[in-house]
Amino acid sequence: MRVSDDERERAVALLRARCVEGYLSMETFEYRLGRALNARSAIELRQLVADIVRVRRPWTTRLLHTGGAAPAHARRVGLPAQGAIVVGRSSGCDVTIGAQTISRRHLELRALGESWLAVDLGSTNGTWLLGRRLGRARVLPGDQLVLGECPIELAEPTSEPI
């Protein structure tokens, strides 16, 4: 079946949005954009976006439209005074959060003097900061992250994780 202009525009808009959100690199975006513009069937378009289509959850929409403010029920996690802590679902983590969307070992928070480094440990559902998926980023007390679907707020360093 021949592809309509509306279908093509929707596919291009989805590719652009996922690139902005960090799901696609610029190279992948450019490659898929070229394929989308030359697609001859709706099936070709669906194949180009099949791995990036997702349902937007209400809290995700709030994160993107409020500049990254996490919902009021965000769990507080104390940053380490020195060294590193691991946040995840496993009982072996320094901070345990039992939500199903959190990986067993989801996030590592490392002290770097006056700031901290948040490192996603290859989680399935990702770590998000200001509506963008991150691999690693510098963070400060008061920053709000979303692990999978679980919002957390980073708190001042303590000797024990909160």
N, C-alpha and C. Protein backbone atom coordinates (compact mmCIF):
# COMPACT_ATOMS: atom_id res chain seq x y z
N MET A 1 0.84 -1.18 0.00
CA MET A 1 0.00 0.00 0.00
C MET A 1 0.88 1.24 0.00
N ARG A 2 0.56 2.19 -0.85
CA ARG A 2 1.33 3.42 -0.98
C ARG A 2 1.22 4.26 0.30
N VAL A 3 2.31 4.91 0.67
CA VAL A 3 2.35 5.71 1.90
C VAL A 3 1.74 7.09 1.64
N SER A 4 0.94 7.57 2.61
CA SER A 4 0.34 8.91 2.48
C SER A 4 1.29 9.96 3.05
N ASP A 5 1.04 11.21 2.68
CA ASP A 5 1.86 12.30 3.19
C ASP A 5 1.72 12.42 4.70
N ASP A 6 0.50 12.19 5.22
CA ASP A 6 0.28 12.27 6.68
C ASP A 6 1.09 11.20 7.41
N GLU A 7 1.10 9.97 6.89
CA GLU A 7 1.87 8.89 7.52
C GLU A 7 3.36 9.23 7.52
N ARG A 8 3.82 9.76 6.40
CA ARG A 8 5.24 10.12 6.29
C ARG A 8 5.58 11.23 7.28
N GLU A 9 4.72 12.25 7.39
CA GLU A 9 4.95 13.35 8.33
C GLU A 9 4.95 12.86 9.77
N ARG A 10 4.04 11.96 10.10
CA ARG A 10 4.00 11.41 11.47
C ARG A 10 5.28 10.63 11.78
N ALA A 11 5.76 9.84 10.82
CA ALA A 11 6.99 9.08 11.03
C ALA A 11 8.18 10.01 11.21
N VAL A 12 8.27 11.06 10.39
CA VAL A 12 9.37 12.02 10.49
C VAL A 12 9.30 12.76 11.83
N ALA A 13 8.10 13.14 12.26
CA ALA A 13 7.94 13.83 13.55
C ALA A 13 8.36 12.93 14.70
N LEU A 14 8.02 11.65 14.62
CA LEU A 14 8.41 10.70 15.67
C LEU A 14 9.93 10.53 15.69
N LEU A 15 10.54 10.39 14.54
CA LEU A 15 12.00 10.27 14.48
C LEU A 15 12.67 11.51 15.08
N ARG A 16 12.17 12.68 14.72
CA ARG A 16 12.73 13.94 15.24
C ARG A 16 12.59 14.00 16.76
N ALA A 17 11.41 13.65 17.27
CA ALA A 17 11.18 13.70 18.72
C ALA A 17 12.10 12.74 19.46
N ARG A 18 12.28 11.54 18.94
CA ARG A 18 13.13 10.56 19.63
C ARG A 18 14.60 10.97 19.55
N CYS A 19 15.00 11.66 18.51
CA CYS A 19 16.36 12.17 18.42
C CYS A 19 16.58 13.24 19.48
N VAL A 20 15.63 14.16 19.61
CA VAL A 20 15.73 15.22 20.60
C VAL A 20 15.76 14.63 22.01
N GLU A 21 15.00 13.56 22.25
CA GLU A 21 14.96 12.92 23.57
C GLU A 21 16.18 12.06 23.84
N GLY A 22 17.03 11.86 22.86
CA GLY A 22 18.25 11.10 23.08
C GLY A 22 18.14 9.62 22.74
N TYR A 23 17.01 9.18 22.19
CA TYR A 23 16.86 7.78 21.80
C TYR A 23 17.67 7.45 20.56
N LEU A 24 17.82 8.42 19.67
CA LEU A 24 18.54 8.21 18.41
C LEU A 24 19.71 9.17 18.32
N SER A 25 20.84 8.68 17.81
CA SER A 25 21.96 9.57 17.53
C SER A 25 21.63 10.38 16.28
N MET A 26 22.36 11.45 16.06
CA MET A 26 22.14 12.25 14.85
C MET A 26 22.36 11.42 13.59
N GLU A 27 23.37 10.54 13.60
CA GLU A 27 23.65 9.71 12.44
C GLU A 27 22.48 8.77 12.14
N THR A 28 21.95 8.15 13.20
CA THR A 28 20.81 7.25 13.02
C THR A 28 19.59 8.03 12.55
N PHE A 29 19.37 9.21 13.14
CA PHE A 29 18.25 10.05 12.72
C PHE A 29 18.35 10.39 11.24
N GLU A 30 19.54 10.84 10.80
CA GLU A 30 19.72 11.22 9.39
C GLU A 30 19.49 10.03 8.46
N TYR A 31 20.00 8.87 8.86
CA TYR A 31 19.82 7.67 8.04
C TYR A 31 18.34 7.32 7.93
N ARG A 32 17.65 7.29 9.07
CA ARG A 32 16.23 6.92 9.05
C ARG A 32 15.38 7.99 8.37
N LEU A 33 15.75 9.25 8.52
CA LEU A 33 15.02 10.32 7.85
C LEU A 33 15.08 10.12 6.33
N GLY A 34 16.26 9.83 5.82
CA GLY A 34 16.40 9.55 4.39
C GLY A 34 15.55 8.38 3.95
N ARG A 35 15.54 7.33 4.75
CA ARG A 35 14.72 6.15 4.42
C ARG A 35 13.24 6.48 4.49
N ALA A 36 12.84 7.31 5.48
CA ALA A 36 11.42 7.68 5.62
C ALA A 36 10.96 8.51 4.43
N LEU A 37 11.80 9.44 3.98
CA LEU A 37 11.43 10.28 2.85
C LEU A 37 11.35 9.50 1.54
N ASN A 38 12.08 8.40 1.45
CA ASN A 38 12.07 7.57 0.23
C ASN A 38 11.18 6.35 0.34
N ALA A 39 10.52 6.16 1.49
CA ALA A 39 9.68 4.97 1.70
C ALA A 39 8.53 4.95 0.69
N ARG A 40 8.26 3.77 0.17
CA ARG A 40 7.18 3.62 -0.81
C ARG A 40 5.94 2.99 -0.21
N SER A 41 6.06 2.44 0.99
CA SER A 41 4.89 1.79 1.61
C SER A 41 4.81 2.11 3.09
N ALA A 42 3.62 1.98 3.64
CA ALA A 42 3.39 2.20 5.06
C ALA A 42 4.17 1.18 5.89
N ILE A 43 4.37 -0.01 5.35
CA ILE A 43 5.11 -1.04 6.07
C ILE A 43 6.56 -0.61 6.26
N GLU A 44 7.16 0.00 5.24
CA GLU A 44 8.53 0.50 5.36
C GLU A 44 8.63 1.54 6.48
N LEU A 45 7.64 2.44 6.54
CA LEU A 45 7.64 3.46 7.59
C LEU A 45 7.51 2.83 8.97
N ARG A 46 6.59 1.88 9.10
CA ARG A 46 6.40 1.23 10.41
C ARG A 46 7.67 0.53 10.87
N GLN A 47 8.39 -0.08 9.95
CA GLN A 47 9.64 -0.75 10.31
C GLN A 47 10.69 0.24 10.78
N LEU A 48 10.70 1.45 10.21
CA LEU A 48 11.68 2.47 10.61
C LEU A 48 11.47 2.97 12.04
N VAL A 49 10.22 2.97 12.49
CA VAL A 49 9.92 3.53 13.81
C VAL A 49 9.48 2.48 14.83
N ALA A 50 9.48 1.20 14.45
CA ALA A 50 8.96 0.15 15.33
C ALA A 50 9.67 0.09 16.68
N ASP A 51 10.97 0.36 16.71
CA ASP A 51 11.72 0.24 17.96
C ASP A 51 11.68 1.51 18.82
N ILE A 52 11.06 2.58 18.33
CA ILE A 52 11.04 3.82 19.11
C ILE A 52 9.63 4.30 19.44
N VAL A 53 8.62 3.57 19.02
CA VAL A 53 7.25 3.93 19.35
C VAL A 53 7.01 3.55 20.79
N ARG A 54 6.43 4.47 21.55
CA ARG A 54 6.09 4.18 22.94
C ARG A 54 4.89 5.00 23.35
N VAL A 55 4.24 4.57 24.39
CA VAL A 55 3.11 5.31 24.94
C VAL A 55 3.65 6.27 25.97
N ARG A 56 3.28 7.52 25.87
CA ARG A 56 3.74 8.52 26.83
C ARG A 56 2.90 8.42 28.10
N ARG A 57 3.58 8.28 29.23
CA ARG A 57 2.91 8.20 30.51
C ARG A 57 2.68 9.60 31.05
N PRO A 58 1.63 9.80 31.85
CA PRO A 58 1.32 11.15 32.33
C PRO A 58 2.48 11.83 33.04
N TRP A 59 3.25 11.11 33.89
CA TRP A 59 4.36 11.76 34.60
C TRP A 59 5.45 12.16 33.63
N THR A 60 5.64 11.42 32.54
CA THR A 60 6.66 11.78 31.56
C THR A 60 6.27 13.09 30.89
N THR A 61 5.00 13.24 30.57
CA THR A 61 4.53 14.47 29.96
C THR A 61 4.77 15.64 30.91
N ARG A 62 4.49 15.45 32.20
CA ARG A 62 4.73 16.51 33.17
C ARG A 62 6.21 16.85 33.23
N LEU A 63 7.09 15.85 33.19
CA LEU A 63 8.53 16.11 33.25
C LEU A 63 8.97 16.96 32.07
N LEU A 64 8.46 16.65 30.89
CA LEU A 64 8.88 17.38 29.70
C LEU A 64 8.31 18.78 29.67
N HIS A 65 7.10 18.98 30.19
CA HIS A 65 6.44 20.28 30.09
C HIS A 65 6.70 21.18 31.29
N THR A 66 7.27 20.65 32.37
CA THR A 66 7.56 21.49 33.53
C THR A 66 9.05 21.72 33.68
N GLY A 67 9.81 21.42 32.65
CA GLY A 67 11.25 21.65 32.71
C GLY A 67 11.97 20.66 33.59
N GLY A 68 11.35 19.52 33.88
CA GLY A 68 12.04 18.47 34.63
C GLY A 68 11.63 18.34 36.07
N ALA A 69 10.62 19.08 36.52
CA ALA A 69 10.19 18.95 37.90
C ALA A 69 9.56 17.59 38.11
N ALA A 70 10.07 16.84 39.06
CA ALA A 70 9.55 15.51 39.33
C ALA A 70 8.24 15.60 40.10
N PRO A 71 7.42 14.58 40.02
CA PRO A 71 6.18 14.57 40.78
C PRO A 71 6.45 14.70 42.27
N ALA A 72 5.43 15.12 43.02
CA ALA A 72 5.59 15.37 44.45
C ALA A 72 6.00 14.12 45.23
N HIS A 73 5.71 12.95 44.74
CA HIS A 73 6.01 11.72 45.47
C HIS A 73 7.41 11.17 45.18
N ALA A 74 8.33 12.02 44.75
CA ALA A 74 9.70 11.58 44.46
C ALA A 74 10.38 11.11 45.74
N ARG A 75 11.07 9.98 45.65
CA ARG A 75 11.81 9.45 46.80
C ARG A 75 13.14 10.18 46.92
N ARG A 76 13.52 10.53 48.15
CA ARG A 76 14.79 11.22 48.38
C ARG A 76 15.90 10.18 48.53
N VAL A 77 17.00 10.42 47.81
CA VAL A 77 18.18 9.55 47.88
C VAL A 77 19.37 10.43 48.23
N GLY A 78 20.05 10.10 49.33
CA GLY A 78 21.21 10.87 49.75
C GLY A 78 22.42 10.58 48.88
N LEU A 79 23.08 11.63 48.45
CA LEU A 79 24.31 11.48 47.67
C LEU A 79 25.43 11.01 48.60
N PRO A 80 26.40 10.26 48.09
CA PRO A 80 27.50 9.81 48.95
C PRO A 80 28.45 10.95 49.28
N ALA A 81 28.93 10.99 50.53
CA ALA A 81 29.91 12.00 50.92
C ALA A 81 31.25 11.73 50.24
N GLN A 82 31.55 10.46 50.00
CA GLN A 82 32.75 10.06 49.28
C GLN A 82 32.50 8.69 48.67
N GLY A 83 33.29 8.31 47.70
CA GLY A 83 33.11 7.01 47.06
C GLY A 83 31.88 6.99 46.17
N ALA A 84 31.20 5.85 46.16
CA ALA A 84 30.04 5.68 45.29
C ALA A 84 28.99 4.83 45.97
N ILE A 85 27.74 5.00 45.55
CA ILE A 85 26.65 4.13 45.99
C ILE A 85 25.91 3.64 44.75
N VAL A 86 25.27 2.48 44.88
CA VAL A 86 24.49 1.92 43.79
C VAL A 86 23.03 1.89 44.21
N VAL A 87 22.17 2.33 43.29
CA VAL A 87 20.72 2.34 43.50
C VAL A 87 20.13 1.29 42.58
N GLY A 88 19.23 0.46 43.12
CA GLY A 88 18.60 -0.56 42.29
C GLY A 88 17.58 -1.36 43.06
N ARG A 89 17.06 -2.39 42.42
CA ARG A 89 16.04 -3.25 43.01
C ARG A 89 16.64 -4.36 43.87
N SER A 90 17.90 -4.71 43.64
CA SER A 90 18.55 -5.81 44.36
C SER A 90 18.82 -5.44 45.82
N SER A 91 18.70 -6.42 46.67
CA SER A 91 18.99 -6.19 48.09
C SER A 91 20.48 -5.94 48.32
N GLY A 92 21.33 -6.23 47.34
CA GLY A 92 22.76 -5.96 47.44
C GLY A 92 23.15 -4.52 47.14
N CYS A 93 22.18 -3.70 46.74
CA CYS A 93 22.47 -2.29 46.43
C CYS A 93 22.51 -1.47 47.71
N ASP A 94 23.19 -0.33 47.65
CA ASP A 94 23.26 0.58 48.80
C ASP A 94 21.90 1.21 49.08
N VAL A 95 21.17 1.55 48.02
CA VAL A 95 19.81 2.08 48.14
C VAL A 95 18.91 1.16 47.33
N THR A 96 17.93 0.56 48.01
CA THR A 96 17.02 -0.40 47.36
C THR A 96 15.67 0.25 47.13
N ILE A 97 15.21 0.17 45.88
CA ILE A 97 13.88 0.66 45.51
C ILE A 97 13.20 -0.51 44.79
N GLY A 98 12.08 -0.95 45.32
CA GLY A 98 11.44 -2.17 44.84
C GLY A 98 10.53 -2.04 43.64
N ALA A 99 10.55 -0.94 42.92
CA ALA A 99 9.67 -0.77 41.76
C ALA A 99 10.10 -1.70 40.62
N GLN A 100 9.13 -2.25 39.91
CA GLN A 100 9.41 -3.20 38.84
C GLN A 100 10.14 -2.58 37.65
N THR A 101 10.04 -1.27 37.47
CA THR A 101 10.69 -0.63 36.32
C THR A 101 12.14 -0.27 36.62
N ILE A 102 12.61 -0.58 37.81
CA ILE A 102 14.00 -0.33 38.18
C ILE A 102 14.79 -1.62 38.03
N SER A 103 15.94 -1.54 37.41
CA SER A 103 16.80 -2.71 37.22
C SER A 103 17.44 -3.11 38.55
N ARG A 104 17.94 -4.34 38.61
CA ARG A 104 18.58 -4.82 39.84
C ARG A 104 19.70 -3.88 40.27
N ARG A 105 20.55 -3.52 39.36
CA ARG A 105 21.60 -2.52 39.58
C ARG A 105 21.36 -1.43 38.53
N HIS A 106 20.72 -0.36 38.93
CA HIS A 106 20.21 0.62 37.98
C HIS A 106 21.14 1.83 37.79
N LEU A 107 21.58 2.42 38.91
CA LEU A 107 22.28 3.70 38.85
C LEU A 107 23.40 3.72 39.88
N GLU A 108 24.53 4.31 39.49
CA GLU A 108 25.62 4.54 40.43
C GLU A 108 25.79 6.04 40.60
N LEU A 109 25.92 6.48 41.85
CA LEU A 109 26.18 7.89 42.17
C LEU A 109 27.58 7.98 42.76
N ARG A 110 28.49 8.71 42.09
CA ARG A 110 29.89 8.82 42.52
C ARG A 110 30.19 10.24 42.98
N ALA A 111 30.88 10.36 44.11
CA ALA A 111 31.32 11.67 44.59
C ALA A 111 32.50 12.15 43.76
N LEU A 112 32.46 13.44 43.37
CA LEU A 112 33.55 14.05 42.60
C LEU A 112 33.93 15.38 43.22
N GLY A 113 34.21 15.41 44.49
CA GLY A 113 34.54 16.67 45.15
C GLY A 113 33.28 17.47 45.46
N GLU A 114 33.08 18.55 44.71
CA GLU A 114 31.91 19.43 44.93
C GLU A 114 30.68 19.02 44.13
N SER A 115 30.80 18.03 43.26
CA SER A 115 29.66 17.56 42.48
C SER A 115 29.67 16.03 42.50
N TRP A 116 28.71 15.45 41.80
CA TRP A 116 28.58 14.00 41.75
C TRP A 116 28.34 13.58 40.32
N LEU A 117 28.65 12.34 40.03
CA LEU A 117 28.42 11.78 38.71
C LEU A 117 27.36 10.69 38.83
N ALA A 118 26.29 10.81 38.04
CA ALA A 118 25.25 9.78 37.97
C ALA A 118 25.55 8.95 36.73
N VAL A 119 25.68 7.63 36.92
CA VAL A 119 26.00 6.72 35.81
C VAL A 119 24.94 5.64 35.74
N ASP A 120 24.23 5.58 34.62
CA ASP A 120 23.27 4.51 34.40
C ASP A 120 24.06 3.22 34.18
N LEU A 121 23.69 2.16 34.86
CA LEU A 121 24.43 0.91 34.80
C LEU A 121 23.85 -0.06 33.78
N GLY A 122 23.41 0.47 32.64
CA GLY A 122 22.84 -0.38 31.59
C GLY A 122 21.43 -0.81 31.90
N SER A 123 20.68 0.03 32.58
CA SER A 123 19.31 -0.32 32.98
C SER A 123 18.41 -0.49 31.76
N THR A 124 17.39 -1.30 31.94
CA THR A 124 16.45 -1.56 30.85
C THR A 124 15.58 -0.35 30.56
N ASN A 125 15.06 0.29 31.59
CA ASN A 125 14.10 1.39 31.41
C ASN A 125 14.73 2.77 31.49
N GLY A 126 16.02 2.84 31.68
CA GLY A 126 16.73 4.10 31.61
C GLY A 126 16.69 4.97 32.85
N THR A 127 17.58 5.95 32.83
CA THR A 127 17.66 6.99 33.86
C THR A 127 17.46 8.30 33.12
N TRP A 128 16.57 9.15 33.65
CA TRP A 128 16.16 10.37 32.97
C TRP A 128 16.46 11.58 33.83
N LEU A 129 16.97 12.62 33.19
CA LEU A 129 17.24 13.90 33.85
C LEU A 129 16.71 14.99 32.94
N LEU A 130 15.79 15.80 33.45
CA LEU A 130 15.17 16.88 32.67
C LEU A 130 14.55 16.37 31.37
N GLY A 131 13.91 15.20 31.45
CA GLY A 131 13.22 14.66 30.29
C GLY A 131 14.10 14.02 29.26
N ARG A 132 15.41 13.88 29.53
CA ARG A 132 16.34 13.26 28.58
C ARG A 132 16.99 12.05 29.21
N ARG A 133 17.09 10.99 28.45
CA ARG A 133 17.74 9.78 28.93
C ARG A 133 19.24 10.04 29.02
N LEU A 134 19.85 9.58 30.11
CA LEU A 134 21.27 9.82 30.28
C LEU A 134 22.04 8.52 30.43
N GLY A 135 23.29 8.57 30.04
CA GLY A 135 24.23 7.48 30.28
C GLY A 135 25.05 7.84 31.51
N ARG A 136 25.50 9.10 31.52
CA ARG A 136 26.21 9.66 32.66
C ARG A 136 26.05 11.16 32.62
N ALA A 137 25.98 11.76 33.82
CA ALA A 137 25.82 13.22 33.89
C ALA A 137 26.24 13.69 35.27
N ARG A 138 26.75 14.92 35.33
CA ARG A 138 27.05 15.54 36.63
C ARG A 138 25.74 15.96 37.27
N VAL A 139 25.62 15.70 38.57
CA VAL A 139 24.40 16.05 39.30
C VAL A 139 24.76 16.75 40.59
N LEU A 140 23.79 17.44 41.16
CA LEU A 140 23.94 18.17 42.42
C LEU A 140 22.75 17.88 43.32
N PRO A 141 22.87 18.15 44.63
CA PRO A 141 21.71 17.98 45.50
C PRO A 141 20.54 18.81 44.98
N GLY A 142 19.35 18.23 45.03
CA GLY A 142 18.16 18.90 44.53
C GLY A 142 17.78 18.48 43.12
N ASP A 143 18.73 17.88 42.38
CA ASP A 143 18.40 17.40 41.04
C ASP A 143 17.40 16.25 41.17
N GLN A 144 16.56 16.14 40.16
CA GLN A 144 15.53 15.11 40.17
C GLN A 144 15.73 14.20 38.97
N LEU A 145 15.82 12.91 39.25
CA LEU A 145 16.00 11.89 38.22
C LEU A 145 14.77 11.00 38.21
N VAL A 146 14.57 10.32 37.10
CA VAL A 146 13.52 9.30 37.03
C VAL A 146 14.22 8.01 36.63
N LEU A 147 14.09 7.00 37.47
CA LEU A 147 14.67 5.68 37.20
C LEU A 147 13.52 4.80 36.73
N GLY A 148 13.53 4.40 35.47
CA GLY A 148 12.38 3.67 34.93
C GLY A 148 11.17 4.59 34.99
N GLU A 149 10.27 4.29 35.91
CA GLU A 149 9.11 5.15 36.14
C GLU A 149 9.10 5.70 37.57
N CYS A 150 10.21 5.55 38.29
CA CYS A 150 10.26 5.95 39.70
C CYS A 150 11.06 7.24 39.86
N PRO A 151 10.39 8.33 40.25
CA PRO A 151 11.11 9.60 40.43
C PRO A 151 11.90 9.61 41.74
N ILE A 152 13.11 10.15 41.71
CA ILE A 152 13.92 10.33 42.92
C ILE A 152 14.45 11.76 42.94
N GLU A 153 14.68 12.26 44.14
CA GLU A 153 15.31 13.56 44.31
C GLU A 153 16.61 13.35 45.06
N LEU A 154 17.69 13.91 44.55
CA LEU A 154 19.00 13.75 45.16
C LEU A 154 19.13 14.72 46.33
N ALA A 155 19.53 14.19 47.49
CA ALA A 155 19.62 14.98 48.71
C ALA A 155 21.09 15.22 49.07
N GLU A 156 21.31 16.18 49.94
CA GLU A 156 22.65 16.48 50.43
C GLU A 156 23.34 15.20 50.92
N PRO A 157 24.65 15.14 50.84
CA PRO A 157 25.37 13.93 51.30
C PRO A 157 25.14 13.67 52.77
N THR A 158 25.04 12.41 53.07
CA THR A 158 24.94 11.94 54.45
C THR A 158 25.91 10.78 54.62
N SER A 159 26.16 10.40 55.84
CA SER A 159 27.05 9.25 56.04
C SER A 159 26.34 7.96 55.67
N GLU A 160 25.02 7.93 55.77
CA GLU A 160 24.24 6.75 55.39
C GLU A 160 23.28 7.14 54.28
N PRO A 161 23.09 6.28 53.25
CA PRO A 161 22.12 6.59 52.20
C PRO A 161 20.72 6.66 52.79
N ILE A 162 19.91 7.58 52.24
CA ILE A 162 18.53 7.71 52.69
C ILE A 162 17.69 6.62 52.10
